[in-house]
Amino acid sequence: MEIPVIRNVLEANGKLAASLKDQFAKHGILALNLISSPGAGKTSLLERTLTDLASEFRMAVIEGDLQTDNDARRVAATGAKAVQINTDGGCHLDSNLVMEALGAFDLNEIDILFIENVGNLVCPVEFDCGEDAKIALLSVTEGDDKPEKYPLLFNRASAMVLNKIDLLPYVDFDVEVAARHARHLNADLALFEVSCRTGEGLEKWYSWLRQAAKAKKGA
């Protein structure tokens, strides 16, 4: 009995996700779903991105978390509009929650919408939130076999951001191994090696965002 229930939930989510995609397309909004383990640096990446690209894009963030509004407050401190969703134990955001959060925004005033999902490498991948792309975030303080162990995310992601590269001298993490595993699952995966603390590598990530946002406006 469990399989039909799961299928029905995903089908219902998919219908709402299609409506979200239509709204984002209508307004030319690039919507990105950031997925990672807890502590990989999603919020740090957003803080740097929102600050550094503030003069180029109108950006907003939907923050998903189990409890607290800590991340939303950090994001809002950059000047970007942020809405917090507390899932109260839920392991992912879904299209219904994103749809509700959109009511807090004027979609005519957004170029890029970031959806910071709950820290989890499994459940968030299954639920389409209407995004144009999933972004897999991995840090060097995790295992370089994460793409191999959690293949669905890296298979479905359009880009992988490898964060905390400033710590590479102090951890046992092989960048080439992680990249090989990820690209075995997805040959088209864009890969960015960055440090949100030092700023190293972020310009390549920003260039990717500029190209994706331009393509969405021209769609």
N, C-alpha and C. Protein backbone atom coordinates (compact mmCIF):
# COMPACT_ATOMS: atom_id res chain seq x y z
N MET A 1 0.83 -1.21 0.00
CA MET A 1 0.00 0.00 0.00
C MET A 1 0.86 1.26 0.00
N GLU A 2 2.10 1.17 0.37
CA GLU A 2 2.94 2.36 0.54
C GLU A 2 3.29 2.98 -0.80
N ILE A 3 3.54 2.16 -1.82
CA ILE A 3 3.98 2.68 -3.11
C ILE A 3 2.92 3.58 -3.75
N PRO A 4 1.64 3.16 -3.82
CA PRO A 4 0.62 4.06 -4.38
C PRO A 4 0.51 5.38 -3.64
N VAL A 5 0.64 5.36 -2.31
CA VAL A 5 0.55 6.59 -1.52
C VAL A 5 1.67 7.54 -1.92
N ILE A 6 2.89 7.03 -1.99
CA ILE A 6 4.03 7.85 -2.38
C ILE A 6 3.83 8.41 -3.78
N ARG A 7 3.36 7.57 -4.70
CA ARG A 7 3.14 8.01 -6.07
C ARG A 7 2.11 9.13 -6.11
N ASN A 8 1.03 9.00 -5.35
CA ASN A 8 -0.01 10.02 -5.33
C ASN A 8 0.52 11.35 -4.79
N VAL A 9 1.34 11.27 -3.76
CA VAL A 9 1.92 12.49 -3.18
C VAL A 9 2.80 13.19 -4.20
N LEU A 10 3.64 12.43 -4.89
CA LEU A 10 4.54 13.02 -5.88
C LEU A 10 3.78 13.57 -7.08
N GLU A 11 2.71 12.90 -7.47
CA GLU A 11 1.90 13.40 -8.59
C GLU A 11 1.22 14.72 -8.23
N ALA A 12 0.69 14.80 -7.01
CA ALA A 12 0.06 16.04 -6.56
C ALA A 12 1.09 17.17 -6.48
N ASN A 13 2.27 16.84 -5.98
CA ASN A 13 3.34 17.83 -5.90
C ASN A 13 3.73 18.29 -7.31
N GLY A 14 3.78 17.35 -8.23
CA GLY A 14 4.18 17.68 -9.59
C GLY A 14 3.22 18.64 -10.27
N LYS A 15 1.93 18.52 -10.00
CA LYS A 15 0.94 19.42 -10.59
C LYS A 15 1.16 20.85 -10.10
N LEU A 16 1.40 20.99 -8.80
CA LEU A 16 1.66 22.32 -8.26
C LEU A 16 3.00 22.86 -8.77
N ALA A 17 3.97 21.97 -8.90
CA ALA A 17 5.28 22.39 -9.42
C ALA A 17 5.15 22.94 -10.84
N ALA A 18 4.29 22.33 -11.64
CA ALA A 18 4.07 22.81 -13.00
C ALA A 18 3.49 24.22 -12.99
N SER A 19 2.59 24.48 -12.04
CA SER A 19 2.02 25.82 -11.91
C SER A 19 3.09 26.83 -11.50
N LEU A 20 3.98 26.41 -10.59
CA LEU A 20 5.08 27.28 -10.19
C LEU A 20 5.99 27.59 -11.37
N LYS A 21 6.29 26.57 -12.16
CA LYS A 21 7.15 26.78 -13.33
C LYS A 21 6.53 27.81 -14.27
N ASP A 22 5.21 27.74 -14.44
CA ASP A 22 4.52 28.70 -15.30
C ASP A 22 4.65 30.12 -14.76
N GLN A 23 4.52 30.26 -13.44
CA GLN A 23 4.64 31.58 -12.83
C GLN A 23 6.05 32.13 -12.99
N PHE A 24 7.04 31.28 -12.75
CA PHE A 24 8.42 31.73 -12.88
C PHE A 24 8.75 32.11 -14.33
N ALA A 25 8.23 31.31 -15.25
CA ALA A 25 8.48 31.60 -16.67
C ALA A 25 7.80 32.91 -17.08
N LYS A 26 6.58 33.12 -16.63
CA LYS A 26 5.83 34.34 -16.95
C LYS A 26 6.59 35.59 -16.52
N HIS A 27 7.25 35.51 -15.37
CA HIS A 27 7.95 36.67 -14.82
C HIS A 27 9.45 36.66 -15.13
N GLY A 28 9.90 35.67 -15.87
CA GLY A 28 11.32 35.60 -16.21
C GLY A 28 12.22 35.37 -15.02
N ILE A 29 11.72 34.65 -14.03
CA ILE A 29 12.47 34.40 -12.80
C ILE A 29 13.28 33.11 -12.92
N LEU A 30 14.56 33.19 -12.65
CA LEU A 30 15.39 32.00 -12.54
C LEU A 30 15.24 31.45 -11.13
N ALA A 31 14.70 30.25 -11.01
CA ALA A 31 14.47 29.63 -9.70
C ALA A 31 15.45 28.48 -9.50
N LEU A 32 16.19 28.53 -8.41
CA LEU A 32 17.23 27.53 -8.13
C LEU A 32 16.99 26.90 -6.77
N ASN A 33 17.04 25.58 -6.72
CA ASN A 33 16.79 24.80 -5.51
C ASN A 33 18.12 24.30 -4.96
N LEU A 34 18.58 24.87 -3.85
CA LEU A 34 19.86 24.51 -3.25
C LEU A 34 19.68 23.36 -2.27
N ILE A 35 20.43 22.27 -2.51
CA ILE A 35 20.29 21.06 -1.71
C ILE A 35 21.66 20.62 -1.20
N SER A 36 21.74 20.30 0.08
CA SER A 36 23.01 19.84 0.66
C SER A 36 22.74 19.18 2.00
N SER A 37 23.80 18.61 2.56
CA SER A 37 23.75 18.16 3.95
C SER A 37 23.76 19.39 4.86
N PRO A 38 23.33 19.21 6.12
CA PRO A 38 23.44 20.33 7.07
C PRO A 38 24.90 20.75 7.22
N GLY A 39 25.12 22.06 7.22
CA GLY A 39 26.46 22.57 7.49
C GLY A 39 27.40 22.63 6.30
N ALA A 40 26.91 22.29 5.11
CA ALA A 40 27.78 22.33 3.94
C ALA A 40 28.06 23.76 3.48
N GLY A 41 27.16 24.69 3.84
CA GLY A 41 27.42 26.08 3.51
C GLY A 41 26.43 26.73 2.56
N LYS A 42 25.20 26.23 2.52
CA LYS A 42 24.20 26.84 1.63
C LYS A 42 23.98 28.31 1.98
N THR A 43 23.79 28.59 3.26
CA THR A 43 23.51 29.97 3.67
C THR A 43 24.72 30.86 3.44
N SER A 44 25.91 30.34 3.69
CA SER A 44 27.13 31.13 3.43
C SER A 44 27.27 31.46 1.95
N LEU A 45 26.95 30.49 1.09
CA LEU A 45 27.00 30.74 -0.35
C LEU A 45 25.98 31.81 -0.73
N LEU A 46 24.80 31.75 -0.14
CA LEU A 46 23.78 32.76 -0.43
C LEU A 46 24.22 34.14 0.05
N GLU A 47 24.78 34.21 1.24
CA GLU A 47 25.23 35.50 1.77
C GLU A 47 26.22 36.17 0.82
N ARG A 48 27.20 35.39 0.33
CA ARG A 48 28.19 35.95 -0.59
C ARG A 48 27.54 36.33 -1.92
N THR A 49 26.70 35.46 -2.44
CA THR A 49 26.07 35.69 -3.74
C THR A 49 25.15 36.90 -3.70
N LEU A 50 24.32 36.97 -2.69
CA LEU A 50 23.37 38.08 -2.57
C LEU A 50 24.08 39.41 -2.40
N THR A 51 25.19 39.40 -1.69
CA THR A 51 25.96 40.63 -1.48
C THR A 51 26.72 41.03 -2.74
N ASP A 52 27.41 40.08 -3.34
CA ASP A 52 28.28 40.41 -4.46
C ASP A 52 27.53 40.74 -5.75
N LEU A 53 26.32 40.19 -5.90
CA LEU A 53 25.56 40.42 -7.13
C LEU A 53 24.36 41.35 -6.93
N ALA A 54 24.35 42.05 -5.81
CA ALA A 54 23.21 42.91 -5.47
C ALA A 54 22.98 44.01 -6.50
N SER A 55 24.05 44.47 -7.12
CA SER A 55 23.90 45.55 -8.10
C SER A 55 23.47 45.04 -9.47
N GLU A 56 23.50 43.72 -9.66
CA GLU A 56 23.18 43.14 -10.96
C GLU A 56 21.79 42.51 -11.03
N PHE A 57 21.35 41.93 -9.92
CA PHE A 57 20.09 41.19 -9.93
C PHE A 57 19.23 41.54 -8.72
N ARG A 58 17.93 41.43 -8.93
CA ARG A 58 16.97 41.51 -7.82
C ARG A 58 16.75 40.08 -7.36
N MET A 59 17.17 39.78 -6.15
CA MET A 59 17.18 38.40 -5.68
C MET A 59 16.34 38.23 -4.42
N ALA A 60 15.77 37.06 -4.28
CA ALA A 60 14.96 36.72 -3.11
C ALA A 60 15.24 35.28 -2.72
N VAL A 61 14.91 34.95 -1.48
CA VAL A 61 15.23 33.63 -0.94
C VAL A 61 14.05 33.07 -0.16
N ILE A 62 13.74 31.82 -0.43
CA ILE A 62 12.83 31.05 0.42
C ILE A 62 13.70 30.12 1.25
N GLU A 63 13.64 30.28 2.56
CA GLU A 63 14.48 29.52 3.48
C GLU A 63 13.70 28.37 4.10
N GLY A 64 14.17 27.16 3.91
CA GLY A 64 13.54 26.00 4.53
C GLY A 64 14.39 25.47 5.68
N ASP A 65 13.77 25.24 6.82
CA ASP A 65 14.50 24.70 7.97
C ASP A 65 13.52 23.98 8.89
N LEU A 66 14.06 23.10 9.71
CA LEU A 66 13.21 22.37 10.65
C LEU A 66 12.64 23.31 11.70
N GLN A 67 13.50 24.16 12.27
CA GLN A 67 13.10 25.12 13.29
C GLN A 67 13.98 26.37 13.14
N THR A 68 13.61 27.43 13.81
CA THR A 68 14.32 28.71 13.88
C THR A 68 14.30 29.47 12.56
N ASP A 69 14.56 30.78 12.67
CA ASP A 69 14.68 31.61 11.48
C ASP A 69 16.10 32.18 11.36
N ASN A 70 17.06 31.44 11.90
CA ASN A 70 18.45 31.91 11.92
C ASN A 70 18.97 32.21 10.51
N ASP A 71 18.75 31.27 9.59
CA ASP A 71 19.27 31.45 8.23
C ASP A 71 18.56 32.59 7.52
N ALA A 72 17.26 32.71 7.72
CA ALA A 72 16.52 33.80 7.08
C ALA A 72 17.01 35.15 7.55
N ARG A 73 17.35 35.27 8.82
CA ARG A 73 17.87 36.53 9.34
C ARG A 73 19.24 36.84 8.75
N ARG A 74 20.06 35.82 8.58
CA ARG A 74 21.37 36.03 7.95
C ARG A 74 21.21 36.51 6.51
N VAL A 75 20.30 35.89 5.80
CA VAL A 75 20.06 36.27 4.40
C VAL A 75 19.48 37.67 4.32
N ALA A 76 18.51 37.98 5.18
CA ALA A 76 17.88 39.30 5.15
C ALA A 76 18.88 40.41 5.47
N ALA A 77 19.92 40.10 6.22
CA ALA A 77 20.93 41.10 6.55
C ALA A 77 21.69 41.59 5.32
N THR A 78 21.62 40.83 4.22
CA THR A 78 22.27 41.26 2.97
C THR A 78 21.41 42.28 2.23
N GLY A 79 20.17 42.46 2.66
CA GLY A 79 19.26 43.35 1.98
C GLY A 79 18.28 42.64 1.07
N ALA A 80 18.45 41.35 0.89
CA ALA A 80 17.55 40.57 0.03
C ALA A 80 16.26 40.24 0.79
N LYS A 81 15.19 40.08 0.03
CA LYS A 81 13.93 39.67 0.62
C LYS A 81 14.01 38.18 0.95
N ALA A 82 13.63 37.80 2.17
CA ALA A 82 13.70 36.40 2.59
C ALA A 82 12.44 36.00 3.32
N VAL A 83 11.95 34.80 3.02
CA VAL A 83 10.79 34.24 3.71
C VAL A 83 11.20 32.90 4.30
N GLN A 84 10.90 32.72 5.57
CA GLN A 84 11.26 31.49 6.27
C GLN A 84 10.10 30.50 6.25
N ILE A 85 10.41 29.25 5.94
CA ILE A 85 9.46 28.15 6.08
C ILE A 85 10.01 27.17 7.10
N ASN A 86 9.31 26.99 8.21
CA ASN A 86 9.69 25.98 9.19
C ASN A 86 8.85 24.73 8.95
N THR A 87 9.51 23.62 8.70
CA THR A 87 8.79 22.39 8.38
C THR A 87 8.38 21.59 9.61
N ASP A 88 8.83 22.03 10.80
CA ASP A 88 8.46 21.35 12.05
C ASP A 88 8.75 19.85 11.99
N GLY A 89 9.94 19.53 11.55
CA GLY A 89 10.36 18.13 11.49
C GLY A 89 10.35 17.54 10.11
N GLY A 90 9.67 18.18 9.17
CA GLY A 90 9.66 17.70 7.79
C GLY A 90 11.04 17.80 7.17
N CYS A 91 11.41 16.81 6.35
CA CYS A 91 12.78 16.72 5.86
C CYS A 91 13.00 17.40 4.52
N HIS A 92 11.98 18.12 4.01
CA HIS A 92 12.13 18.74 2.69
C HIS A 92 11.07 19.82 2.49
N LEU A 93 11.32 20.68 1.53
CA LEU A 93 10.29 21.58 1.04
C LEU A 93 9.56 20.92 -0.12
N ASP A 94 8.33 21.35 -0.36
CA ASP A 94 7.60 20.84 -1.52
C ASP A 94 6.95 22.01 -2.24
N SER A 95 6.29 21.73 -3.34
CA SER A 95 5.74 22.80 -4.16
C SER A 95 4.63 23.57 -3.45
N ASN A 96 3.88 22.90 -2.58
CA ASN A 96 2.82 23.57 -1.84
C ASN A 96 3.39 24.62 -0.90
N LEU A 97 4.46 24.28 -0.19
CA LEU A 97 5.09 25.22 0.73
C LEU A 97 5.69 26.40 -0.03
N VAL A 98 6.31 26.13 -1.17
CA VAL A 98 6.88 27.20 -1.97
C VAL A 98 5.78 28.11 -2.51
N MET A 99 4.67 27.52 -2.94
CA MET A 99 3.55 28.30 -3.45
C MET A 99 3.04 29.25 -2.37
N GLU A 100 2.92 28.77 -1.15
CA GLU A 100 2.46 29.62 -0.05
C GLU A 100 3.44 30.75 0.21
N ALA A 101 4.73 30.46 0.16
CA ALA A 101 5.75 31.47 0.43
C ALA A 101 5.77 32.56 -0.63
N LEU A 102 5.41 32.22 -1.85
CA LEU A 102 5.44 33.21 -2.93
C LEU A 102 4.51 34.39 -2.67
N GLY A 103 3.50 34.18 -1.83
CA GLY A 103 2.57 35.26 -1.52
C GLY A 103 3.24 36.45 -0.84
N ALA A 104 4.42 36.24 -0.29
CA ALA A 104 5.13 37.33 0.39
C ALA A 104 5.97 38.17 -0.58
N PHE A 105 6.05 37.75 -1.85
CA PHE A 105 6.89 38.43 -2.82
C PHE A 105 6.06 39.12 -3.90
N ASP A 106 6.63 40.16 -4.47
CA ASP A 106 6.15 40.73 -5.73
C ASP A 106 7.00 40.10 -6.83
N LEU A 107 6.43 39.18 -7.58
CA LEU A 107 7.22 38.45 -8.56
C LEU A 107 7.74 39.33 -9.68
N ASN A 108 7.14 40.49 -9.84
CA ASN A 108 7.65 41.43 -10.84
C ASN A 108 8.96 42.07 -10.41
N GLU A 109 9.33 41.87 -9.17
CA GLU A 109 10.54 42.50 -8.62
C GLU A 109 11.65 41.49 -8.36
N ILE A 110 11.58 40.30 -8.98
CA ILE A 110 12.58 39.26 -8.73
C ILE A 110 13.17 38.78 -10.05
N ASP A 111 14.50 38.72 -10.08
CA ASP A 111 15.21 38.12 -11.22
C ASP A 111 15.63 36.68 -10.90
N ILE A 112 16.13 36.48 -9.67
CA ILE A 112 16.58 35.15 -9.26
C ILE A 112 15.96 34.81 -7.91
N LEU A 113 15.34 33.66 -7.85
CA LEU A 113 14.78 33.15 -6.59
C LEU A 113 15.57 31.92 -6.16
N PHE A 114 16.16 32.00 -4.98
CA PHE A 114 16.87 30.87 -4.41
C PHE A 114 15.95 30.17 -3.41
N ILE A 115 15.84 28.86 -3.54
CA ILE A 115 15.11 28.04 -2.57
C ILE A 115 16.15 27.25 -1.78
N GLU A 116 16.38 27.65 -0.55
CA GLU A 116 17.34 26.93 0.30
C GLU A 116 16.59 25.81 1.01
N ASN A 117 16.80 24.59 0.55
CA ASN A 117 16.04 23.46 1.07
C ASN A 117 16.56 23.03 2.43
N VAL A 118 15.80 22.19 3.09
CA VAL A 118 16.21 21.61 4.37
C VAL A 118 17.47 20.77 4.15
N GLY A 119 18.39 20.81 5.12
CA GLY A 119 19.64 20.07 5.00
C GLY A 119 19.40 18.57 4.96
N ASN A 120 19.51 18.00 3.78
CA ASN A 120 19.20 16.58 3.57
C ASN A 120 19.55 16.25 2.13
N LEU A 121 20.19 15.13 1.89
CA LEU A 121 20.59 14.76 0.54
C LEU A 121 19.63 13.77 -0.13
N VAL A 122 18.55 13.42 0.56
CA VAL A 122 17.65 12.40 0.02
C VAL A 122 16.28 12.99 -0.32
N CYS A 123 15.48 13.29 0.70
CA CYS A 123 14.08 13.69 0.49
C CYS A 123 13.91 14.92 -0.42
N PRO A 124 14.68 15.99 -0.26
CA PRO A 124 14.44 17.17 -1.10
C PRO A 124 14.59 16.91 -2.59
N VAL A 125 15.35 15.90 -2.96
CA VAL A 125 15.60 15.63 -4.37
C VAL A 125 14.33 15.14 -5.07
N GLU A 126 13.49 14.43 -4.34
CA GLU A 126 12.30 13.83 -4.93
C GLU A 126 11.20 14.84 -5.24
N PHE A 127 11.22 15.97 -4.54
CA PHE A 127 10.10 16.91 -4.62
C PHE A 127 10.47 18.13 -5.46
N ASP A 128 9.87 18.20 -6.64
CA ASP A 128 10.04 19.34 -7.53
C ASP A 128 9.38 20.56 -6.89
N CYS A 129 10.12 21.66 -6.81
CA CYS A 129 9.57 22.90 -6.26
C CYS A 129 9.36 23.94 -7.36
N GLY A 130 9.31 23.49 -8.60
CA GLY A 130 9.12 24.40 -9.71
C GLY A 130 10.39 25.04 -10.20
N GLU A 131 11.51 24.58 -9.67
CA GLU A 131 12.80 25.21 -9.98
C GLU A 131 13.26 24.94 -11.41
N ASP A 132 14.10 25.84 -11.89
CA ASP A 132 14.76 25.62 -13.18
C ASP A 132 15.91 24.64 -13.04
N ALA A 133 16.53 24.62 -11.89
CA ALA A 133 17.68 23.74 -11.69
C ALA A 133 17.87 23.45 -10.21
N LYS A 134 18.31 22.24 -9.94
CA LYS A 134 18.78 21.87 -8.61
C LYS A 134 20.27 22.13 -8.54
N ILE A 135 20.73 22.69 -7.43
CA ILE A 135 22.15 22.94 -7.20
C ILE A 135 22.59 22.07 -6.03
N ALA A 136 23.51 21.15 -6.29
CA ALA A 136 24.05 20.29 -5.22
C ALA A 136 25.23 20.99 -4.58
N LEU A 137 25.17 21.14 -3.27
CA LEU A 137 26.27 21.77 -2.54
C LEU A 137 26.95 20.71 -1.68
N LEU A 138 28.26 20.61 -1.84
CA LEU A 138 29.06 19.63 -1.11
C LEU A 138 30.24 20.37 -0.50
N SER A 139 30.65 20.00 0.69
CA SER A 139 31.82 20.64 1.30
C SER A 139 32.94 19.63 1.49
N VAL A 140 34.16 20.13 1.54
CA VAL A 140 35.31 19.24 1.66
C VAL A 140 35.42 18.62 3.05
N THR A 141 34.59 19.06 3.99
CA THR A 141 34.56 18.45 5.31
C THR A 141 33.69 17.20 5.32
N GLU A 142 33.07 16.91 4.18
CA GLU A 142 32.31 15.67 4.02
C GLU A 142 33.17 14.68 3.22
N GLY A 143 32.65 13.50 3.01
CA GLY A 143 33.39 12.50 2.26
C GLY A 143 33.37 12.78 0.77
N ASP A 144 34.48 12.46 0.09
CA ASP A 144 34.52 12.66 -1.36
C ASP A 144 33.70 11.60 -2.10
N ASP A 145 33.14 10.66 -1.36
CA ASP A 145 32.28 9.65 -1.97
C ASP A 145 30.79 10.00 -1.87
N LYS A 146 30.47 11.22 -1.41
CA LYS A 146 29.06 11.62 -1.27
C LYS A 146 28.29 11.48 -2.59
N PRO A 147 28.84 11.91 -3.73
CA PRO A 147 28.08 11.72 -4.98
C PRO A 147 27.76 10.26 -5.26
N GLU A 148 28.68 9.38 -4.93
CA GLU A 148 28.46 7.95 -5.16
C GLU A 148 27.41 7.40 -4.20
N LYS A 149 27.38 7.91 -2.98
CA LYS A 149 26.45 7.42 -1.96
C LYS A 149 25.05 8.00 -2.10
N TYR A 150 24.96 9.19 -2.68
CA TYR A 150 23.67 9.85 -2.85
C TYR A 150 23.49 10.22 -4.33
N PRO A 151 23.37 9.23 -5.19
CA PRO A 151 23.47 9.47 -6.63
C PRO A 151 22.33 10.28 -7.23
N LEU A 152 21.12 10.18 -6.67
CA LEU A 152 19.99 10.84 -7.32
C LEU A 152 20.18 12.35 -7.39
N LEU A 153 20.67 12.96 -6.32
CA LEU A 153 20.88 14.40 -6.31
C LEU A 153 21.85 14.81 -7.41
N PHE A 154 22.99 14.13 -7.48
CA PHE A 154 24.01 14.55 -8.43
C PHE A 154 23.62 14.20 -9.86
N ASN A 155 22.74 13.22 -10.01
CA ASN A 155 22.21 12.91 -11.33
C ASN A 155 21.25 13.99 -11.82
N ARG A 156 20.47 14.54 -10.90
CA ARG A 156 19.44 15.52 -11.28
C ARG A 156 19.92 16.96 -11.22
N ALA A 157 21.03 17.22 -10.53
CA ALA A 157 21.51 18.59 -10.39
C ALA A 157 22.09 19.12 -11.69
N SER A 158 21.98 20.42 -11.87
CA SER A 158 22.61 21.08 -13.01
C SER A 158 24.01 21.55 -12.68
N ALA A 159 24.26 21.78 -11.39
CA ALA A 159 25.58 22.25 -10.96
C ALA A 159 25.89 21.69 -9.58
N MET A 160 27.18 21.51 -9.33
CA MET A 160 27.67 21.12 -8.01
C MET A 160 28.65 22.17 -7.54
N VAL A 161 28.38 22.74 -6.38
CA VAL A 161 29.27 23.70 -5.76
C VAL A 161 30.03 22.98 -4.65
N LEU A 162 31.34 22.89 -4.81
CA LEU A 162 32.20 22.27 -3.79
C LEU A 162 32.76 23.38 -2.91
N ASN A 163 32.28 23.45 -1.68
CA ASN A 163 32.58 24.56 -0.79
C ASN A 163 33.68 24.20 0.22
N LYS A 164 34.24 25.25 0.82
CA LYS A 164 35.25 25.16 1.89
C LYS A 164 36.58 24.63 1.36
N ILE A 165 36.94 24.98 0.12
CA ILE A 165 38.20 24.47 -0.44
C ILE A 165 39.41 25.05 0.29
N ASP A 166 39.22 26.11 1.07
CA ASP A 166 40.32 26.64 1.87
C ASP A 166 40.75 25.65 2.95
N LEU A 167 39.91 24.65 3.23
CA LEU A 167 40.24 23.65 4.25
C LEU A 167 40.89 22.39 3.68
N LEU A 168 41.08 22.36 2.37
CA LEU A 168 41.65 21.16 1.73
C LEU A 168 42.97 20.70 2.35
N PRO A 169 43.87 21.60 2.75
CA PRO A 169 45.13 21.14 3.35
C PRO A 169 44.95 20.40 4.68
N TYR A 170 43.76 20.51 5.26
CA TYR A 170 43.56 19.98 6.61
C TYR A 170 42.60 18.79 6.67
N VAL A 171 42.08 18.38 5.52
CA VAL A 171 41.11 17.28 5.52
C VAL A 171 41.50 16.24 4.47
N ASP A 172 40.99 15.04 4.64
CA ASP A 172 41.22 13.96 3.67
C ASP A 172 40.09 13.95 2.65
N PHE A 173 40.17 14.85 1.70
CA PHE A 173 39.15 14.96 0.66
C PHE A 173 39.85 15.08 -0.68
N ASP A 174 39.50 14.20 -1.61
CA ASP A 174 40.11 14.19 -2.93
C ASP A 174 39.12 14.81 -3.92
N VAL A 175 39.42 16.01 -4.38
CA VAL A 175 38.53 16.73 -5.29
C VAL A 175 38.31 15.94 -6.58
N GLU A 176 39.36 15.33 -7.09
CA GLU A 176 39.24 14.58 -8.34
C GLU A 176 38.32 13.38 -8.18
N VAL A 177 38.38 12.72 -7.04
CA VAL A 177 37.50 11.58 -6.79
C VAL A 177 36.04 12.02 -6.74
N ALA A 178 35.77 13.10 -6.01
CA ALA A 178 34.40 13.61 -5.91
C ALA A 178 33.87 14.02 -7.28
N ALA A 179 34.71 14.72 -8.05
CA ALA A 179 34.30 15.16 -9.38
C ALA A 179 34.05 13.97 -10.31
N ARG A 180 34.90 12.95 -10.20
CA ARG A 180 34.74 11.77 -11.06
C ARG A 180 33.44 11.05 -10.75
N HIS A 181 33.15 10.88 -9.46
CA HIS A 181 31.89 10.23 -9.07
C HIS A 181 30.70 11.03 -9.59
N ALA A 182 30.75 12.36 -9.42
CA ALA A 182 29.62 13.20 -9.79
C ALA A 182 29.40 13.19 -11.30
N ARG A 183 30.46 13.29 -12.06
CA ARG A 183 30.32 13.36 -13.51
C ARG A 183 30.07 11.99 -14.13
N HIS A 184 30.36 10.94 -13.39
CA HIS A 184 29.94 9.61 -13.85
C HIS A 184 28.42 9.52 -13.84
N LEU A 185 27.81 10.20 -12.87
CA LEU A 185 26.35 10.21 -12.76
C LEU A 185 25.72 11.23 -13.71
N ASN A 186 26.46 12.29 -14.01
CA ASN A 186 25.91 13.39 -14.80
C ASN A 186 27.06 14.07 -15.55
N ALA A 187 27.22 13.69 -16.80
CA ALA A 187 28.35 14.20 -17.59
C ALA A 187 28.25 15.70 -17.85
N ASP A 188 27.04 16.26 -17.76
CA ASP A 188 26.84 17.68 -18.05
C ASP A 188 26.90 18.55 -16.80
N LEU A 189 27.22 17.97 -15.66
CA LEU A 189 27.21 18.70 -14.40
C LEU A 189 28.29 19.78 -14.39
N ALA A 190 27.88 21.02 -14.14
CA ALA A 190 28.84 22.11 -13.95
C ALA A 190 29.41 22.00 -12.54
N LEU A 191 30.71 22.19 -12.40
CA LEU A 191 31.37 22.02 -11.10
C LEU A 191 32.13 23.29 -10.73
N PHE A 192 31.86 23.79 -9.53
CA PHE A 192 32.52 25.01 -9.05
C PHE A 192 33.19 24.73 -7.71
N GLU A 193 34.47 24.96 -7.64
CA GLU A 193 35.23 24.81 -6.41
C GLU A 193 35.37 26.19 -5.77
N VAL A 194 34.79 26.34 -4.57
CA VAL A 194 34.73 27.68 -3.98
C VAL A 194 35.08 27.65 -2.49
N SER A 195 35.38 28.83 -2.01
CA SER A 195 35.47 29.06 -0.57
C SER A 195 34.63 30.29 -0.27
N CYS A 196 33.55 30.11 0.45
CA CYS A 196 32.72 31.25 0.81
C CYS A 196 33.41 32.12 1.85
N ARG A 197 34.40 31.58 2.53
CA ARG A 197 35.13 32.37 3.53
C ARG A 197 36.12 33.31 2.87
N THR A 198 36.87 32.81 1.88
CA THR A 198 37.89 33.64 1.23
C THR A 198 37.41 34.27 -0.07
N GLY A 199 36.36 33.72 -0.66
CA GLY A 199 35.88 34.21 -1.94
C GLY A 199 36.47 33.51 -3.15
N GLU A 200 37.42 32.60 -2.91
CA GLU A 200 38.07 31.90 -4.01
C GLU A 200 37.05 31.10 -4.83
N GLY A 201 37.14 31.24 -6.15
CA GLY A 201 36.31 30.45 -7.05
C GLY A 201 34.89 30.95 -7.26
N LEU A 202 34.46 31.95 -6.51
CA LEU A 202 33.07 32.39 -6.58
C LEU A 202 32.73 33.06 -7.91
N GLU A 203 33.71 33.67 -8.55
CA GLU A 203 33.42 34.38 -9.79
C GLU A 203 32.93 33.42 -10.88
N LYS A 204 33.44 32.20 -10.91
CA LYS A 204 32.95 31.23 -11.89
C LYS A 204 31.50 30.85 -11.61
N TRP A 205 31.15 30.73 -10.34
CA TRP A 205 29.77 30.48 -9.96
C TRP A 205 28.88 31.64 -10.38
N TYR A 206 29.36 32.86 -10.16
CA TYR A 206 28.59 34.04 -10.56
C TYR A 206 28.40 34.10 -12.07
N SER A 207 29.41 33.73 -12.81
CA SER A 207 29.30 33.73 -14.28
C SER A 207 28.22 32.75 -14.74
N TRP A 208 28.17 31.60 -14.08
CA TRP A 208 27.14 30.61 -14.40
C TRP A 208 25.75 31.18 -14.11
N LEU A 209 25.62 31.86 -12.98
CA LEU A 209 24.33 32.47 -12.63
C LEU A 209 23.94 33.53 -13.65
N ARG A 210 24.89 34.36 -14.06
CA ARG A 210 24.59 35.40 -15.05
C ARG A 210 24.08 34.78 -16.35
N GLN A 211 24.73 33.74 -16.80
CA GLN A 211 24.32 33.09 -18.05
C GLN A 211 22.94 32.46 -17.91
N ALA A 212 22.70 31.80 -16.76
CA ALA A 212 21.40 31.15 -16.55
C ALA A 212 20.28 32.17 -16.45
N ALA A 213 20.53 33.27 -15.76
CA ALA A 213 19.52 34.32 -15.61
C ALA A 213 19.23 34.98 -16.96
N LYS A 214 20.25 35.21 -17.74
CA LYS A 214 20.07 35.81 -19.07
C LYS A 214 19.25 34.88 -19.98
N ALA A 215 19.57 33.58 -19.91
CA ALA A 215 18.84 32.60 -20.71
C ALA A 215 17.38 32.55 -20.30
N LYS A 216 17.09 32.66 -19.00
CA LYS A 216 15.71 32.61 -18.54
C LYS A 216 14.93 33.84 -18.99
N LYS A 217 15.55 34.99 -18.95
CA LYS A 217 14.88 36.21 -19.41
C LYS A 217 14.57 36.14 -20.91
N GLY A 218 15.45 35.44 -21.65
CA GLY A 218 15.27 35.37 -23.08
C GLY A 218 14.38 34.24 -23.53
N ALA A 219 13.97 33.39 -22.57
CA ALA A 219 13.14 32.22 -22.92
C ALA A 219 11.75 32.63 -23.36
